[in-house]
Amino acid sequence: MSVTKTEASDLDELHDLNQDYIAAVQAGDVGRFEDILAADFYCSNPDGTLVDRQGFLSQTARPVSISKLRALDVLIRRFGDVAIIHARTTYCLANGRQANGRYTDVWARSAGTWKAISAHVTRC
């Protein structure tokens, strides 16, 4: 099945947004998240808590305790104006130990702009 120019453009944009998301996590970049999170964003944290946009921004503002965060095996699936991104993560904990996880992010396009509407994060 061939990919249309619009689909390819959307996938490129979602790829870039995914990279921005990971970079913002690593840098604790609240400003970037203010740009890319939808007003009704929610995140399921690895500890089982569910936080809204403001709770997520507050978490992001705390000092970052991991380093070398990387997203691997990124799978982006687009369904019209909704996209789901699955990926595996690797990172180093503050004690230097290597750790892994997974995430699933849901993005929605509204008025021509992609915004993250949901995230689910796990640690292995």
PDB file of N, CA and C in Angstrom:
ATOM      1  N   MET A   1       0.840  -1.168   0.000  1.00  0.00           N
ATOM      2  CA  MET A   1       0.000   0.000   0.000  1.00  0.00           C
ATOM      3  C   MET A   1       0.889   1.236   0.000  1.00  0.00           C
ATOM      4  N   SER A   2       0.616   2.162  -0.870  1.00  0.00           N
ATOM      5  CA  SER A   2       1.435   3.364  -0.962  1.00  0.00           C
ATOM      6  C   SER A   2       0.966   4.423   0.037  1.00  0.00           C
ATOM      7  N   VAL A   3       1.900   5.277   0.422  1.00  0.00           N
ATOM      8  CA  VAL A   3       1.634   6.354   1.360  1.00  0.00           C
ATOM      9  C   VAL A   3       1.488   7.645   0.567  1.00  0.00           C
ATOM     10  N   THR A   4       0.419   8.391   0.826  1.00  0.00           N
ATOM     11  CA  THR A   4       0.217   9.651   0.119  1.00  0.00           C
ATOM     12  C   THR A   4       1.181  10.710   0.647  1.00  0.00           C
ATOM     13  N   LYS A   5       1.304  11.797  -0.110  1.00  0.00           N
ATOM     14  CA  LYS A   5       2.182  12.896   0.301  1.00  0.00           C
ATOM     15  C   LYS A   5       1.733  13.464   1.651  1.00  0.00           C
ATOM     16  N   THR A   6       0.420  13.608   1.859  1.00  0.00           N
ATOM     17  CA  THR A   6      -0.113  14.119   3.122  1.00  0.00           C
ATOM     18  C   THR A   6       0.216  13.168   4.262  1.00  0.00           C
ATOM     19  N   GLU A   7       0.019  11.869   4.040  1.00  0.00           N
ATOM     20  CA  GLU A   7       0.332  10.883   5.074  1.00  0.00           C
ATOM     21  C   GLU A   7       1.814  10.917   5.419  1.00  0.00           C
ATOM     22  N   ALA A   8       2.663  11.003   4.418  1.00  0.00           N
ATOM     23  CA  ALA A   8       4.112  11.058   4.648  1.00  0.00           C
ATOM     24  C   ALA A   8       4.469  12.310   5.429  1.00  0.00           C
ATOM     25  N   SER A   9       3.866  13.433   5.078  1.00  0.00           N
ATOM     26  CA  SER A   9       4.111  14.690   5.782  1.00  0.00           C
ATOM     27  C   SER A   9       3.673  14.586   7.247  1.00  0.00           C
ATOM     28  N   ASP A  10       2.495  13.999   7.483  1.00  0.00           N
ATOM     29  CA  ASP A  10       2.013  13.791   8.853  1.00  0.00           C
ATOM     30  C   ASP A  10       2.962  12.899   9.634  1.00  0.00           C
ATOM     31  N   LEU A  11       3.412  11.815   9.010  1.00  0.00           N
ATOM     32  CA  LEU A  11       4.322  10.898   9.704  1.00  0.00           C
ATOM     33  C   LEU A  11       5.643  11.592  10.033  1.00  0.00           C
ATOM     34  N   ASP A  12       6.146  12.406   9.124  1.00  0.00           N
ATOM     35  CA  ASP A  12       7.372  13.179   9.397  1.00  0.00           C
ATOM     36  C   ASP A  12       7.147  14.130  10.567  1.00  0.00           C
ATOM     37  N   GLU A  13       6.025  14.826  10.559  1.00  0.00           N
ATOM     38  CA  GLU A  13       5.728  15.765  11.640  1.00  0.00           C
ATOM     39  C   GLU A  13       5.578  15.044  12.973  1.00  0.00           C
ATOM     40  N   LEU A  14       4.887  13.919  12.987  1.00  0.00           N
ATOM     41  CA  LEU A  14       4.717  13.141  14.215  1.00  0.00           C
ATOM     42  C   LEU A  14       6.058  12.582  14.702  1.00  0.00           C
ATOM     43  N   HIS A  15       6.900  12.177  13.777  1.00  0.00           N
ATOM     44  CA  HIS A  15       8.241  11.718  14.145  1.00  0.00           C
ATOM     45  C   HIS A  15       9.005  12.836  14.856  1.00  0.00           C
ATOM     46  N   ASP A  16       8.954  14.039  14.289  1.00  0.00           N
ATOM     47  CA  ASP A  16       9.639  15.183  14.893  1.00  0.00           C
ATOM     48  C   ASP A  16       9.041  15.530  16.259  1.00  0.00           C
ATOM     49  N   LEU A  17       7.717  15.491  16.371  1.00  0.00           N
ATOM     50  CA  LEU A  17       7.071  15.773  17.649  1.00  0.00           C
ATOM     51  C   LEU A  17       7.441  14.726  18.693  1.00  0.00           C
ATOM     52  N   ASN A  18       7.541  13.478  18.285  1.00  0.00           N
ATOM     53  CA  ASN A  18       7.952  12.426  19.209  1.00  0.00           C
ATOM     54  C   ASN A  18       9.370  12.687  19.721  1.00  0.00           C
ATOM     55  N   GLN A  19      10.264  13.078  18.824  1.00  0.00           N
ATOM     56  CA  GLN A  19      11.632  13.402  19.243  1.00  0.00           C
ATOM     57  C   GLN A  19      11.635  14.596  20.193  1.00  0.00           C
ATOM     58  N   ASP A  20      10.817  15.602  19.899  1.00  0.00           N
ATOM     59  CA  ASP A  20      10.704  16.758  20.790  1.00  0.00           C
ATOM     60  C   ASP A  20      10.206  16.341  22.168  1.00  0.00           C
ATOM     61  N   TYR A  21       9.235  15.449  22.203  1.00  0.00           N
ATOM     62  CA  TYR A  21       8.654  14.973  23.454  1.00  0.00           C
ATOM     63  C   TYR A  21       9.739  14.312  24.304  1.00  0.00           C
ATOM     64  N   ILE A  22      10.503  13.413  23.696  1.00  0.00           N
ATOM     65  CA  ILE A  22      11.570  12.722  24.423  1.00  0.00           C
ATOM     66  C   ILE A  22      12.626  13.722  24.899  1.00  0.00           C
ATOM     67  N   ALA A  23      13.012  14.650  24.043  1.00  0.00           N
ATOM     68  CA  ALA A  23      13.997  15.662  24.427  1.00  0.00           C
ATOM     69  C   ALA A  23      13.470  16.525  25.569  1.00  0.00           C
ATOM     70  N   ALA A  24      12.179  16.857  25.541  1.00  0.00           N
ATOM     71  CA  ALA A  24      11.590  17.664  26.602  1.00  0.00           C
ATOM     72  C   ALA A  24      11.561  16.912  27.930  1.00  0.00           C
ATOM     73  N   VAL A  25      11.307  15.603  27.890  1.00  0.00           N
ATOM     74  CA  VAL A  25      11.374  14.796  29.115  1.00  0.00           C
ATOM     75  C   VAL A  25      12.786  14.859  29.675  1.00  0.00           C
ATOM     76  N   GLN A  26      13.778  14.601  28.825  1.00  0.00           N
ATOM     77  CA  GLN A  26      15.170  14.570  29.278  1.00  0.00           C
ATOM     78  C   GLN A  26      15.615  15.920  29.841  1.00  0.00           C
ATOM     79  N   ALA A  27      15.163  17.006  29.231  1.00  0.00           N
ATOM     80  CA  ALA A  27      15.601  18.346  29.637  1.00  0.00           C
ATOM     81  C   ALA A  27      14.698  18.984  30.696  1.00  0.00           C
ATOM     82  N   GLY A  28      13.563  18.345  31.006  1.00  0.00           N
ATOM     83  CA  GLY A  28      12.609  18.960  31.912  1.00  0.00           C
ATOM     84  C   GLY A  28      12.057  20.252  31.326  1.00  0.00           C
ATOM     85  N   ASP A  29      11.800  20.240  30.033  1.00  0.00           N
ATOM     86  CA  ASP A  29      11.409  21.432  29.285  1.00  0.00           C
ATOM     87  C   ASP A  29       9.894  21.672  29.348  1.00  0.00           C
ATOM     88  N   VAL A  30       9.460  22.320  30.416  1.00  0.00           N
ATOM     89  CA  VAL A  30       8.042  22.606  30.615  1.00  0.00           C
ATOM     90  C   VAL A  30       7.489  23.444  29.469  1.00  0.00           C
ATOM     91  N   GLY A  31       8.255  24.408  28.992  1.00  0.00           N
ATOM     92  CA  GLY A  31       7.804  25.275  27.905  1.00  0.00           C
ATOM     93  C   GLY A  31       7.461  24.503  26.648  1.00  0.00           C
ATOM     94  N   ARG A  32       8.284  23.534  26.305  1.00  0.00           N
ATOM     95  CA  ARG A  32       7.986  22.744  25.103  1.00  0.00           C
ATOM     96  C   ARG A  32       6.712  21.934  25.303  1.00  0.00           C
ATOM     97  N   PHE A  33       6.545  21.364  26.497  1.00  0.00           N
ATOM     98  CA  PHE A  33       5.318  20.615  26.752  1.00  0.00           C
ATOM     99  C   PHE A  33       4.096  21.522  26.737  1.00  0.00           C
ATOM    100  N   GLU A  34       4.230  22.754  27.188  1.00  0.00           N
ATOM    101  CA  GLU A  34       3.103  23.682  27.111  1.00  0.00           C
ATOM    102  C   GLU A  34       2.661  23.878  25.665  1.00  0.00           C
ATOM    103  N   ASP A  35       3.602  23.781  24.726  1.00  0.00           N
ATOM    104  CA  ASP A  35       3.295  23.930  23.303  1.00  0.00           C
ATOM    105  C   ASP A  35       2.641  22.690  22.697  1.00  0.00           C
ATOM    106  N   ILE A  36       3.061  21.506  23.118  1.00  0.00           N
ATOM    107  CA  ILE A  36       2.641  20.297  22.401  1.00  0.00           C
ATOM    108  C   ILE A  36       1.570  19.467  23.104  1.00  0.00           C
ATOM    109  N   LEU A  37       1.231  19.796  24.356  1.00  0.00           N
ATOM    110  CA  LEU A  37       0.186  19.045  25.054  1.00  0.00           C
ATOM    111  C   LEU A  37      -1.173  19.708  24.843  1.00  0.00           C
ATOM    112  N   ALA A  38      -2.177  18.889  24.591  1.00  0.00           N
ATOM    113  CA  ALA A  38      -3.547  19.389  24.489  1.00  0.00           C
ATOM    114  C   ALA A  38      -4.027  19.850  25.869  1.00  0.00           C
ATOM    115  N   ALA A  39      -5.008  20.712  25.882  1.00  0.00           N
ATOM    116  CA  ALA A  39      -5.560  21.219  27.141  1.00  0.00           C
ATOM    117  C   ALA A  39      -6.112  20.094  28.009  1.00  0.00           C
ATOM    118  N   ASP A  40      -6.627  19.032  27.375  1.00  0.00           N
ATOM    119  CA  ASP A  40      -7.220  17.921  28.128  1.00  0.00           C
ATOM    120  C   ASP A  40      -6.305  16.686  28.184  1.00  0.00           C
ATOM    121  N   PHE A  41      -4.990  16.903  28.108  1.00  0.00           N
ATOM    122  CA  PHE A  41      -3.987  15.841  28.170  1.00  0.00           C
ATOM    123  C   PHE A  41      -4.037  15.117  29.524  1.00  0.00           C
ATOM    124  N   TYR A  42      -3.834  13.800  29.475  1.00  0.00           N
ATOM    125  CA  TYR A  42      -3.677  12.967  30.678  1.00  0.00           C
ATOM    126  C   TYR A  42      -2.512  12.008  30.472  1.00  0.00           C
ATOM    127  N   CYS A  43      -1.845  11.664  31.576  1.00  0.00           N
ATOM    128  CA  CYS A  43      -0.729  10.718  31.524  1.00  0.00           C
ATOM    129  C   CYS A  43      -0.870   9.682  32.623  1.00  0.00           C
ATOM    130  N   SER A  44      -0.752   8.404  32.235  1.00  0.00           N
ATOM    131  CA  SER A  44      -0.662   7.303  33.197  1.00  0.00           C
ATOM    132  C   SER A  44       0.816   7.098  33.496  1.00  0.00           C
ATOM    133  N   ASN A  45       1.200   7.331  34.744  1.00  0.00           N
ATOM    134  CA  ASN A  45       2.591   7.201  35.162  1.00  0.00           C
ATOM    135  C   ASN A  45       2.957   5.754  35.485  1.00  0.00           C
ATOM    136  N   PRO A  46       4.251   5.458  35.500  1.00  0.00           N
ATOM    137  CA  PRO A  46       4.688   4.096  35.818  1.00  0.00           C
ATOM    138  C   PRO A  46       4.235   3.603  37.198  1.00  0.00           C
ATOM    139  N   ASP A  47       3.996   4.535  38.142  1.00  0.00           N
ATOM    140  CA  ASP A  47       3.555   4.127  39.488  1.00  0.00           C
ATOM    141  C   ASP A  47       2.044   3.919  39.568  1.00  0.00           C
ATOM    142  N   GLY A  48       1.354   4.056  38.437  1.00  0.00           N
ATOM    143  CA  GLY A  48      -0.080   3.824  38.390  1.00  0.00           C
ATOM    144  C   GLY A  48      -0.931   5.066  38.580  1.00  0.00           C
ATOM    145  N   THR A  49      -0.307   6.206  38.868  1.00  0.00           N
ATOM    146  CA  THR A  49      -1.093   7.433  39.020  1.00  0.00           C
ATOM    147  C   THR A  49      -1.482   7.984  37.653  1.00  0.00           C
ATOM    148  N   LEU A  50      -2.582   8.715  37.649  1.00  0.00           N
ATOM    149  CA  LEU A  50      -3.058   9.387  36.448  1.00  0.00           C
ATOM    150  C   LEU A  50      -3.024  10.880  36.734  1.00  0.00           C
ATOM    151  N   VAL A  51      -2.300  11.622  35.890  1.00  0.00           N
ATOM    152  CA  VAL A  51      -2.198  13.061  36.084  1.00  0.00           C
ATOM    153  C   VAL A  51      -2.734  13.795  34.865  1.00  0.00           C
ATOM    154  N   ASP A  52      -3.326  14.949  35.134  1.00  0.00           N
ATOM    155  CA  ASP A  52      -3.792  15.795  34.045  1.00  0.00           C
ATOM    156  C   ASP A  52      -2.636  16.646  33.532  1.00  0.00           C
ATOM    157  N   ARG A  53      -2.936  17.538  32.621  1.00  0.00           N
ATOM    158  CA  ARG A  53      -1.909  18.368  31.992  1.00  0.00           C
ATOM    159  C   ARG A  53      -1.091  19.129  33.045  1.00  0.00           C
ATOM    160  N   GLN A  54      -1.782  19.802  33.978  1.00  0.00           N
ATOM    161  CA  GLN A  54      -1.079  20.592  34.984  1.00  0.00           C
ATOM    162  C   GLN A  54      -0.208  19.703  35.871  1.00  0.00           C
ATOM    163  N   GLY A  55      -0.716  18.536  36.230  1.00  0.00           N
ATOM    164  CA  GLY A  55       0.077  17.602  37.031  1.00  0.00           C
ATOM    165  C   GLY A  55       1.320  17.133  36.284  1.00  0.00           C
ATOM    166  N   PHE A  56       1.160  16.895  34.986  1.00  0.00           N
ATOM    167  CA  PHE A  56       2.296  16.471  34.165  1.00  0.00           C
ATOM    168  C   PHE A  56       3.334  17.587  34.061  1.00  0.00           C
ATOM    169  N   LEU A  57       2.863  18.823  33.850  1.00  0.00           N
ATOM    170  CA  LEU A  57       3.792  19.955  33.780  1.00  0.00           C
ATOM    171  C   LEU A  57       4.525  20.141  35.108  1.00  0.00           C
ATOM    172  N   SER A  58       3.828  19.939  36.220  1.00  0.00           N
ATOM    173  CA  SER A  58       4.473  20.032  37.538  1.00  0.00           C
ATOM    174  C   SER A  58       5.534  18.958  37.702  1.00  0.00           C
ATOM    175  N   GLN A  59       5.231  17.742  37.255  1.00  0.00           N
ATOM    176  CA  GLN A  59       6.226  16.657  37.299  1.00  0.00           C
ATOM    177  C   GLN A  59       7.442  17.018  36.460  1.00  0.00           C
ATOM    178  N   THR A  60       7.197  17.561  35.290  1.00  0.00           N
ATOM    179  CA  THR A  60       8.270  17.902  34.359  1.00  0.00           C
ATOM    180  C   THR A  60       9.171  18.982  34.935  1.00  0.00           C
ATOM    181  N   ALA A  61       8.623  19.869  35.751  1.00  0.00           N
ATOM    182  CA  ALA A  61       9.400  20.969  36.331  1.00  0.00           C
ATOM    183  C   ALA A  61      10.370  20.499  37.418  1.00  0.00           C
ATOM    184  N   ARG A  62      10.184  19.294  37.935  1.00  0.00           N
ATOM    185  CA  ARG A  62      11.098  18.766  38.959  1.00  0.00           C
ATOM    186  C   ARG A  62      12.444  18.442  38.319  1.00  0.00           C
ATOM    187  N   PRO A  63      13.511  18.448  39.134  1.00  0.00           N
ATOM    188  CA  PRO A  63      14.829  18.092  38.579  1.00  0.00           C
ATOM    189  C   PRO A  63      14.803  16.708  37.914  1.00  0.00           C
ATOM    190  N   VAL A  64      15.420  16.610  36.753  1.00  0.00           N
ATOM    191  CA  VAL A  64      15.467  15.361  35.991  1.00  0.00           C
ATOM    192  C   VAL A  64      16.471  14.425  36.653  1.00  0.00           C
ATOM    193  N   SER A  65      16.048  13.193  36.930  1.00  0.00           N
ATOM    194  CA  SER A  65      16.917  12.243  37.635  1.00  0.00           C
ATOM    195  C   SER A  65      17.455  11.139  36.730  1.00  0.00           C
ATOM    196  N   ILE A  66      17.144  11.223  35.428  1.00  0.00           N
ATOM    197  CA  ILE A  66      17.654  10.228  34.485  1.00  0.00           C
ATOM    198  C   ILE A  66      18.533  10.929  33.451  1.00  0.00           C
ATOM    199  N   SER A  67      19.318  10.126  32.749  1.00  0.00           N
ATOM    200  CA  SER A  67      20.145  10.668  31.668  1.00  0.00           C
ATOM    201  C   SER A  67      20.141   9.692  30.499  1.00  0.00           C
ATOM    202  N   LYS A  68      20.607  10.167  29.376  1.00  0.00           N
ATOM    203  CA  LYS A  68      20.757   9.348  28.165  1.00  0.00           C
ATOM    204  C   LYS A  68      19.441   8.694  27.718  1.00  0.00           C
ATOM    205  N   LEU A  69      18.344   9.417  27.864  1.00  0.00           N
ATOM    206  CA  LEU A  69      17.039   8.890  27.447  1.00  0.00           C
ATOM    207  C   LEU A  69      16.991   8.767  25.934  1.00  0.00           C
ATOM    208  N   ARG A  70      16.615   7.577  25.468  1.00  0.00           N
ATOM    209  CA  ARG A  70      16.500   7.319  24.029  1.00  0.00           C
ATOM    210  C   ARG A  70      15.213   6.562  23.760  1.00  0.00           C
ATOM    211  N   ALA A  71      14.579   6.897  22.655  1.00  0.00           N
ATOM    212  CA  ALA A  71      13.400   6.171  22.180  1.00  0.00           C
ATOM    213  C   ALA A  71      13.850   5.249  21.050  1.00  0.00           C
ATOM    214  N   LEU A  72      13.480   3.994  21.146  1.00  0.00           N
ATOM    215  CA  LEU A  72      13.878   2.983  20.160  1.00  0.00           C
ATOM    216  C   LEU A  72      12.637   2.247  19.656  1.00  0.00           C
ATOM    217  N   ASP A  73      12.775   1.631  18.502  1.00  0.00           N
ATOM    218  CA  ASP A  73      11.676   0.831  17.928  1.00  0.00           C
ATOM    219  C   ASP A  73      10.378   1.638  17.876  1.00  0.00           C
ATOM    220  N   VAL A  74      10.474   2.882  17.431  1.00  0.00           N
ATOM    221  CA  VAL A  74       9.322   3.779  17.380  1.00  0.00           C
ATOM    222  C   VAL A  74       8.375   3.336  16.266  1.00  0.00           C
ATOM    223  N   LEU A  75       7.121   3.171  16.616  1.00  0.00           N
ATOM    224  CA  LEU A  75       6.080   2.791  15.673  1.00  0.00           C
ATOM    225  C   LEU A  75       5.011   3.871  15.700  1.00  0.00           C
ATOM    226  N   ILE A  76       4.810   4.528  14.573  1.00  0.00           N
ATOM    227  CA  ILE A  76       3.810   5.588  14.467  1.00  0.00           C
ATOM    228  C   ILE A  76       2.695   5.107  13.547  1.00  0.00           C
ATOM    229  N   ARG A  77       1.471   5.131  14.078  1.00  0.00           N
ATOM    230  CA  ARG A  77       0.310   4.739  13.291  1.00  0.00           C
ATOM    231  C   ARG A  77      -0.672   5.905  13.273  1.00  0.00           C
ATOM    232  N   ARG A  78      -1.106   6.290  12.076  1.00  0.00           N
ATOM    233  CA  ARG A  78      -2.025   7.412  11.923  1.00  0.00           C
ATOM    234  C   ARG A  78      -3.377   6.907  11.455  1.00  0.00           C
ATOM    235  N   PHE A  79      -4.422   7.427  12.099  1.00  0.00           N
ATOM    236  CA  PHE A  79      -5.796   7.076  11.762  1.00  0.00           C
ATOM    237  C   PHE A  79      -6.553   8.379  11.552  1.00  0.00           C
ATOM    238  N   GLY A  80      -6.410   8.963  10.375  1.00  0.00           N
ATOM    239  CA  GLY A  80      -7.030  10.263  10.116  1.00  0.00           C
ATOM    240  C   GLY A  80      -6.379  11.332  10.969  1.00  0.00           C
ATOM    241  N   ASP A  81      -7.166  11.952  11.832  1.00  0.00           N
ATOM    242  CA  ASP A  81      -6.663  13.027  12.687  1.00  0.00           C
ATOM    243  C   ASP A  81      -6.228  12.541  14.065  1.00  0.00           C
ATOM    244  N   VAL A  82      -6.004  11.237  14.188  1.00  0.00           N
ATOM    245  CA  VAL A  82      -5.497  10.642  15.432  1.00  0.00           C
ATOM    246  C   VAL A  82      -4.283   9.793  15.083  1.00  0.00           C
ATOM    247  N   ALA A  83      -3.281   9.825  15.956  1.00  0.00           N
ATOM    248  CA  ALA A  83      -2.092   8.989  15.760  1.00  0.00           C
ATOM    249  C   ALA A  83      -1.697   8.372  17.096  1.00  0.00           C
ATOM    250  N   ILE A  84      -1.170   7.169  17.017  1.00  0.00           N
ATOM    251  CA  ILE A  84      -0.681   6.459  18.201  1.00  0.00           C
ATOM    252  C   ILE A  84       0.793   6.165  17.973  1.00  0.00           C
ATOM    253  N   ILE A  85       1.597   6.501  18.973  1.00  0.00           N
ATOM    254  CA  ILE A  85       3.036   6.248  18.894  1.00  0.00           C
ATOM    255  C   ILE A  85       3.418   5.289  20.018  1.00  0.00           C
ATOM    256  N   HIS A  86       4.025   4.172  19.640  1.00  0.00           N
ATOM    257  CA  HIS A  86       4.544   3.193  20.595  1.00  0.00           C
ATOM    258  C   HIS A  86       6.059   3.228  20.486  1.00  0.00           C
ATOM    259  N   ALA A  87       6.759   3.070  21.605  1.00  0.00           N
ATOM    260  CA  ALA A  87       8.218   2.986  21.552  1.00  0.00           C
ATOM    261  C   ALA A  87       8.758   2.343  22.814  1.00  0.00           C
ATOM    262  N   ARG A  88       9.987   1.927  22.698  1.00  0.00           N
ATOM    263  CA  ARG A  88      10.759   1.374  23.806  1.00  0.00           C
ATOM    264  C   ARG A  88      11.754   2.455  24.219  1.00  0.00           C
ATOM    265  N   THR A  89      12.052   2.535  25.518  1.00  0.00           N
ATOM    266  CA  THR A  89      13.032   3.523  25.976  1.00  0.00           C
ATOM    267  C   THR A  89      14.189   2.855  26.699  1.00  0.00           C
ATOM    268  N   THR A  90      15.323   3.510  26.619  1.00  0.00           N
ATOM    269  CA  THR A  90      16.469   3.174  27.462  1.00  0.00           C
ATOM    270  C   THR A  90      16.943   4.470  28.089  1.00  0.00           C
ATOM    271  N   TYR A  91      17.488   4.371  29.302  1.00  0.00           N
ATOM    272  CA  TYR A  91      17.978   5.548  30.010  1.00  0.00           C
ATOM    273  C   TYR A  91      18.857   5.078  31.170  1.00  0.00           C
ATOM    274  N   CYS A  92      19.577   6.005  31.760  1.00  0.00           N
ATOM    275  CA  CYS A  92      20.407   5.721  32.928  1.00  0.00           C
ATOM    276  C   CYS A  92      19.772   6.374  34.150  1.00  0.00           C
ATOM    277  N   LEU A  93      19.730   5.619  35.233  1.00  0.00           N
ATOM    278  CA  LEU A  93      19.246   6.149  36.499  1.00  0.00           C
ATOM    279  C   LEU A  93      20.337   6.993  37.144  1.00  0.00           C
ATOM    280  N   ALA A  94      19.988   7.712  38.194  1.00  0.00           N
ATOM    281  CA  ALA A  94      20.949   8.584  38.877  1.00  0.00           C
ATOM    282  C   ALA A  94      22.158   7.798  39.401  1.00  0.00           C
ATOM    283  N   ASN A  95      21.952   6.522  39.738  1.00  0.00           N
ATOM    284  CA  ASN A  95      23.056   5.689  40.238  1.00  0.00           C
ATOM    285  C   ASN A  95      23.901   5.081  39.118  1.00  0.00           C
ATOM    286  N   GLY A  96      23.590   5.439  37.862  1.00  0.00           N
ATOM    287  CA  GLY A  96      24.345   4.955  36.714  1.00  0.00           C
ATOM    288  C   GLY A  96      23.833   3.663  36.108  1.00  0.00           C
ATOM    289  N   ARG A  97      22.883   3.031  36.769  1.00  0.00           N
ATOM    290  CA  ARG A  97      22.331   1.765  36.274  1.00  0.00           C
ATOM    291  C   ARG A  97      21.456   2.008  35.044  1.00  0.00           C
ATOM    292  N   GLN A  98      21.588   1.137  34.052  1.00  0.00           N
ATOM    293  CA  GLN A  98      20.778   1.189  32.832  1.00  0.00           C
ATOM    294  C   GLN A  98      19.372   0.702  33.143  1.00  0.00           C
ATOM    295  N   ALA A  99      18.361   1.367  32.574  1.00  0.00           N
ATOM    296  CA  ALA A  99      16.968   0.973  32.768  1.00  0.00           C
ATOM    297  C   ALA A  99      16.239   1.054  31.430  1.00  0.00           C
ATOM    298  N   ASN A 100      15.059   0.452  31.404  1.00  0.00           N
ATOM    299  CA  ASN A 100      14.266   0.380  30.175  1.00  0.00           C
ATOM    300  C   ASN A 100      12.808   0.645  30.484  1.00  0.00           C
ATOM    301  N   GLY A 101      12.062   0.975  29.460  1.00  0.00           N
ATOM    302  CA  GLY A 101      10.631   1.172  29.606  1.00  0.00           C
ATOM    303  C   GLY A 101       9.946   1.156  28.259  1.00  0.00           C
ATOM    304  N   ARG A 102       8.671   1.485  28.281  1.00  0.00           N
ATOM    305  CA  ARG A 102       7.873   1.614  27.057  1.00  0.00           C
ATOM    306  C   ARG A 102       6.914   2.773  27.253  1.00  0.00           C
ATOM    307  N   TYR A 103       6.470   3.332  26.150  1.00  0.00           N
ATOM    308  CA  TYR A 103       5.417   4.338  26.233  1.00  0.00           C
ATOM    309  C   TYR A 103       4.514   4.230  25.021  1.00  0.00           C
ATOM    310  N   THR A 104       3.293   4.700  25.232  1.00  0.00           N
ATOM    311  CA  THR A 104       2.325   4.857  24.169  1.00  0.00           C
ATOM    312  C   THR A 104       1.764   6.260  24.302  1.00  0.00           C
ATOM    313  N   ASP A 105       1.891   7.049  23.257  1.00  0.00           N
ATOM    314  CA  ASP A 105       1.350   8.404  23.227  1.00  0.00           C
ATOM    315  C   ASP A 105       0.270   8.477  22.161  1.00  0.00           C
ATOM    316  N   VAL A 106      -0.779   9.212  22.460  1.00  0.00           N
ATOM    317  CA  VAL A 106      -1.857   9.429  21.507  1.00  0.00           C
ATOM    318  C   VAL A 106      -1.863  10.913  21.154  1.00  0.00           C
ATOM    319  N   TRP A 107      -1.902  11.182  19.861  1.00  0.00           N
ATOM    320  CA  TRP A 107      -1.898  12.544  19.336  1.00  0.00           C
ATOM    321  C   TRP A 107      -3.174  12.762  18.530  1.00  0.00           C
ATOM    322  N   ALA A 108      -3.701  13.983  18.574  1.00  0.00           N
ATOM    323  CA  ALA A 108      -4.874  14.341  17.783  1.00  0.00           C
ATOM    324  C   ALA A 108      -4.592  15.657  17.067  1.00  0.00           C
ATOM    325  N   ARG A 109      -5.059  15.723  15.825  1.00  0.00           N
ATOM    326  CA  ARG A 109      -4.904  16.958  15.057  1.00  0.00           C
ATOM    327  C   ARG A 109      -6.200  17.750  15.156  1.00  0.00           C
ATOM    328  N   SER A 110      -6.044  19.007  15.552  1.00  0.00           N
ATOM    329  CA  SER A 110      -7.185  19.912  15.639  1.00  0.00           C
ATOM    330  C   SER A 110      -6.759  21.241  15.043  1.00  0.00           C
ATOM    331  N   ALA A 111      -7.565  21.756  14.151  1.00  0.00           N
ATOM    332  CA  ALA A 111      -7.263  23.017  13.448  1.00  0.00           C
ATOM    333  C   ALA A 111      -5.874  22.963  12.809  1.00  0.00           C
ATOM    334  N   GLY A 112      -5.524  21.778  12.287  1.00  0.00           N
ATOM    335  CA  GLY A 112      -4.267  21.618  11.558  1.00  0.00           C
ATOM    336  C   GLY A 112      -3.038  21.403  12.408  1.00  0.00           C
ATOM    337  N   THR A 113      -3.192  21.317  13.730  1.00  0.00           N
ATOM    338  CA  THR A 113      -2.047  21.169  14.622  1.00  0.00           C
ATOM    339  C   THR A 113      -2.148  19.870  15.422  1.00  0.00           C
ATOM    340  N   TRP A 114      -1.052  19.102  15.457  1.00  0.00           N
ATOM    341  CA  TRP A 114      -0.995  17.882  16.255  1.00  0.00           C
ATOM    342  C   TRP A 114      -0.689  18.237  17.705  1.00  0.00           C
ATOM    343  N   LYS A 115      -1.475  17.673  18.637  1.00  0.00           N
ATOM    344  CA  LYS A 115      -1.269  17.849  20.073  1.00  0.00           C
ATOM    345  C   LYS A 115      -1.328  16.482  20.747  1.00  0.00           C
ATOM    346  N   ALA A 116      -0.468  16.278  21.742  1.00  0.00           N
ATOM    347  CA  ALA A 116      -0.507  15.047  22.532  1.00  0.00           C
ATOM    348  C   ALA A 116      -1.725  15.120  23.447  1.00  0.00           C
ATOM    349  N   ILE A 117      -2.553  14.074  23.406  1.00  0.00           N
ATOM    350  CA  ILE A 117      -3.754  14.051  24.239  1.00  0.00           C
ATOM    351  C   ILE A 117      -3.664  13.024  25.359  1.00  0.00           C
ATOM    352  N   SER A 118      -2.737  12.056  25.209  1.00  0.00           N
ATOM    353  CA  SER A 118      -2.636  11.003  26.213  1.00  0.00           C
ATOM    354  C   SER A 118      -1.256  10.356  26.150  1.00  0.00           C
ATOM    355  N   ALA A 119      -0.780   9.936  27.311  1.00  0.00           N
ATOM    356  CA  ALA A 119       0.482   9.198  27.391  1.00  0.00           C
ATOM    357  C   ALA A 119       0.325   8.093  28.425  1.00  0.00           C
ATOM    358  N   HIS A 120       0.972   6.973  28.178  1.00  0.00           N
ATOM    359  CA  HIS A 120       1.029   5.861  29.118  1.00  0.00           C
ATOM    360  C   HIS A 120       2.484   5.410  29.167  1.00  0.00           C
ATOM    361  N   VAL A 121       3.073   5.429  30.354  1.00  0.00           N
ATOM    362  CA  VAL A 121       4.496   5.148  30.525  1.00  0.00           C
ATOM    363  C   VAL A 121       4.682   3.958  31.460  1.00  0.00           C
ATOM    364  N   THR A 122       5.540   3.026  31.061  1.00  0.00           N
ATOM    365  CA  THR A 122       5.892   1.896  31.921  1.00  0.00           C
ATOM    366  C   THR A 122       7.410   1.822  32.055  1.00  0.00           C
ATOM    367  N   ARG A 123       7.837   1.208  33.127  1.00  0.00           N
ATOM    368  CA  ARG A 123       9.262   0.927  33.340  1.00  0.00           C
ATOM    369  C   ARG A 123       9.426  -0.560  33.541  1.00  0.00           C
ATOM    370  N   CYS A 124      10.492  -1.102  32.966  1.00  0.00           N
ATOM    371  CA  CYS A 124      10.751  -2.535  33.070  1.00  0.00           C
ATOM    372  C   CYS A 124      11.826  -2.807  34.118  1.00  0.00           C
TER     373      CYS A 124
END
